[in-house]
Structure formats: structure tokens, C-alpha cells
Protein backbone atom coordinates (compact mmCIF):
# COMPACT_ATOMS: atom_id res chain seq x y z
CA MET A 1 0.44 12.40 15.72
CA ARG A 2 -2.44 13.05 13.34
CA PRO A 3 -3.81 9.89 11.67
CA ILE A 4 -3.10 11.12 8.15
CA LEU A 5 0.52 11.74 9.13
CA LEU A 6 0.75 8.14 10.29
CA LEU A 7 -0.02 6.80 6.81
CA PRO A 8 3.51 7.18 5.36
CA LEU A 9 4.96 5.48 8.43
CA LEU A 10 2.50 2.61 8.13
CA LEU A 11 3.36 2.13 4.50
CA MET A 12 6.95 1.37 5.46
CA LEU A 13 5.92 -1.80 7.29
CA PRO A 14 5.75 -5.16 5.54
CA SER A 15 2.51 -5.88 3.73
CA PRO A 16 0.62 -9.19 3.49
CA VAL A 17 1.82 -9.56 -0.08
CA PRO A 18 4.90 -8.02 -1.61
CA ALA A 19 4.22 -4.30 -2.01
CA GLN A 20 6.89 -3.90 -4.67
CA VAL A 21 5.00 -3.22 -7.86
CA SER A 22 6.16 -1.77 -11.15
CA ARG A 23 2.84 -0.91 -12.78
CA THR A 24 -0.36 0.73 -11.56
CA SER A 25 -2.31 -2.27 -12.80
CA GLU A 26 -0.45 -4.38 -10.23
CA TYR A 27 -1.79 -2.16 -7.44
CA LEU A 28 -5.26 -2.62 -8.84
CA ASP A 29 -4.80 -6.40 -9.04
CA ARG A 30 -3.61 -6.62 -5.44
CA MET A 31 -6.10 -4.21 -3.89
CA ASP A 32 -9.11 -5.43 -5.90
CA ARG A 33 -10.11 -8.44 -3.80
CA ASP A 34 -13.34 -9.15 -5.68
CA GLN A 35 -11.56 -8.74 -9.05
CA ASP A 36 -14.19 -6.41 -10.51
CA GLY A 37 -11.57 -4.06 -11.95
CA ARG A 38 -12.23 -1.36 -9.34
CA VAL A 39 -11.12 -0.71 -5.77
CA SER A 40 -13.88 0.00 -3.27
CA LEU A 41 -13.38 1.97 -0.08
CA ALA A 42 -13.42 -1.27 1.95
CA GLU A 43 -10.75 -2.82 -0.30
CA TYR A 44 -8.65 0.34 -0.08
CA GLN A 45 -8.92 0.44 3.71
CA ALA A 46 -8.09 -3.27 3.99
CA TRP A 47 -4.96 -2.90 1.85
CA MET A 48 -3.79 0.37 3.37
CA GLY A 49 -4.79 -0.60 6.93
CA TYR A 50 -2.78 -3.80 7.10
CA ALA A 51 0.21 -2.11 8.71
CA PHE A 52 -1.98 -0.62 11.46
CA GLU A 53 -3.16 -4.10 12.41
CA GLN A 54 0.43 -5.38 12.47
CA MET A 55 1.54 -2.50 14.68
CA ASP A 56 -1.38 -2.93 17.12
CA ARG A 57 0.41 -5.61 19.15
CA ASP A 58 -2.21 -5.78 21.91
CA GLY A 59 -5.09 -5.79 19.41
CA ASN A 60 -7.07 -3.09 21.21
CA GLY A 61 -7.69 -0.95 18.12
CA THR A 62 -5.47 1.90 19.25
CA LEU A 63 -1.80 2.49 18.55
CA VAL A 64 -0.09 3.92 21.59
CA ALA A 65 3.38 5.44 21.73
CA ASP A 66 5.28 2.17 22.18
CA GLU A 67 3.48 0.71 19.12
CA LEU A 68 4.25 3.71 16.89
CA PRO A 69 7.42 4.07 14.83
CA GLY A 70 10.02 5.77 16.98
CA GLY A 71 8.15 4.82 20.14
CA ARG A 72 6.44 8.17 20.50
CA GLY A 73 3.41 10.10 19.39
CA LYS A 74 -0.21 10.53 20.36
CA PRO A 75 -2.48 7.48 20.34
CA VAL A 76 -4.20 6.75 17.03
CA SER A 77 -7.39 4.70 16.94
CA LEU A 78 -8.27 2.32 14.15
CA VAL A 79 -11.45 4.35 13.62
CA ALA A 80 -9.44 7.56 13.16
CA HIS A 81 -6.99 5.77 10.88
CA ARG A 82 -9.82 4.42 8.69
CA GLU A 83 -11.38 7.90 8.56
CA ALA A 84 -8.05 9.30 7.32
CA LEU A 85 -7.89 6.54 4.71
CA ALA A 86 -11.47 7.32 3.64
CA ALA A 87 -10.52 10.98 3.18
CA ALA A 88 -7.52 9.98 1.05
CA PHE A 89 -9.76 7.62 -0.96
CA ARG A 90 -12.24 10.43 -1.64
CA ARG A 91 -9.41 12.66 -2.88
CA GLN A 92 -8.23 9.86 -5.24
CA ASP A 93 -11.77 9.26 -6.53
CA ILE A 94 -11.57 11.92 -9.22
CA ASN A 95 -14.88 11.08 -10.92
CA ARG A 96 -16.66 10.66 -7.56
CA ASP A 97 -18.17 7.26 -8.45
CA GLY A 98 -17.21 5.68 -5.11
CA VAL A 99 -14.53 3.36 -6.53
CA LEU A 100 -10.99 3.75 -7.81
CA ASP A 101 -9.95 2.54 -11.24
CA ALA A 102 -6.36 2.09 -12.47
CA ARG A 103 -6.21 5.68 -13.73
CA GLU A 104 -7.31 7.10 -10.38
CA LEU A 105 -4.86 4.86 -8.51
CA ALA A 106 -2.06 6.25 -10.70
CA ALA A 107 -3.01 9.87 -10.13
CA PRO A 108 -1.78 11.73 -7.06
CA PRO A 109 -4.53 12.61 -4.57
CA GLN A 110 -6.20 15.95 -5.25
């Protein structure tokens, strides 16, 4: 299973805080750990990577078939998962300033 394809499956898992939000600004508030009004790549990866860490039961940094939804698929490393998240982040970063604002969080990835 390609790491980017794993992202939707990971998003189905429980998050550290309720993921149910009704406004884009709520995503910004929850992802923006330093409260500077922008989401950095590290903040994005931390928020979006939470499910990976929960699924990695043995804590070895790689999801193997029995840790993946459905109990099958090719192993996915944390490094590969973070690279896929970084690629998604870059697509969201419309103005290419290295951070996401509320408008960019609301827009679908390019």
C-alpha cells in the first residue's frame, strides 16, 4: 500500500482531540500548536501522523500488515508516511510560504 493511500485510512482512527470540526478555523486552532495563526509542516505532520503512531502497536516505526486496516498491505514506514504528508502539505501551501493559513487549509490540495 502506498503511503499516500494510507492517509484516508489513518484519518478514520480516533485523534488525540475530537476531530469533529464545523469550521476551517477550528482545524487551524487545533493544528496550530504554537498559536501563531499558521500551521507549519511539523504541526501538520504531528496532527496528521497521530493515527500512524496509534496503529504502530510495537512502536518500531513501521506499520506491517497486521497493524494496517484490514490486516493486509505492504509495510509503511513512519519516514515514508511523513514524506507523503509533506507532499500533501506542499500541495496545500498555495502561496508557497512554507506554512498553511486558514484559507489554504480550507482549499483542496492542488
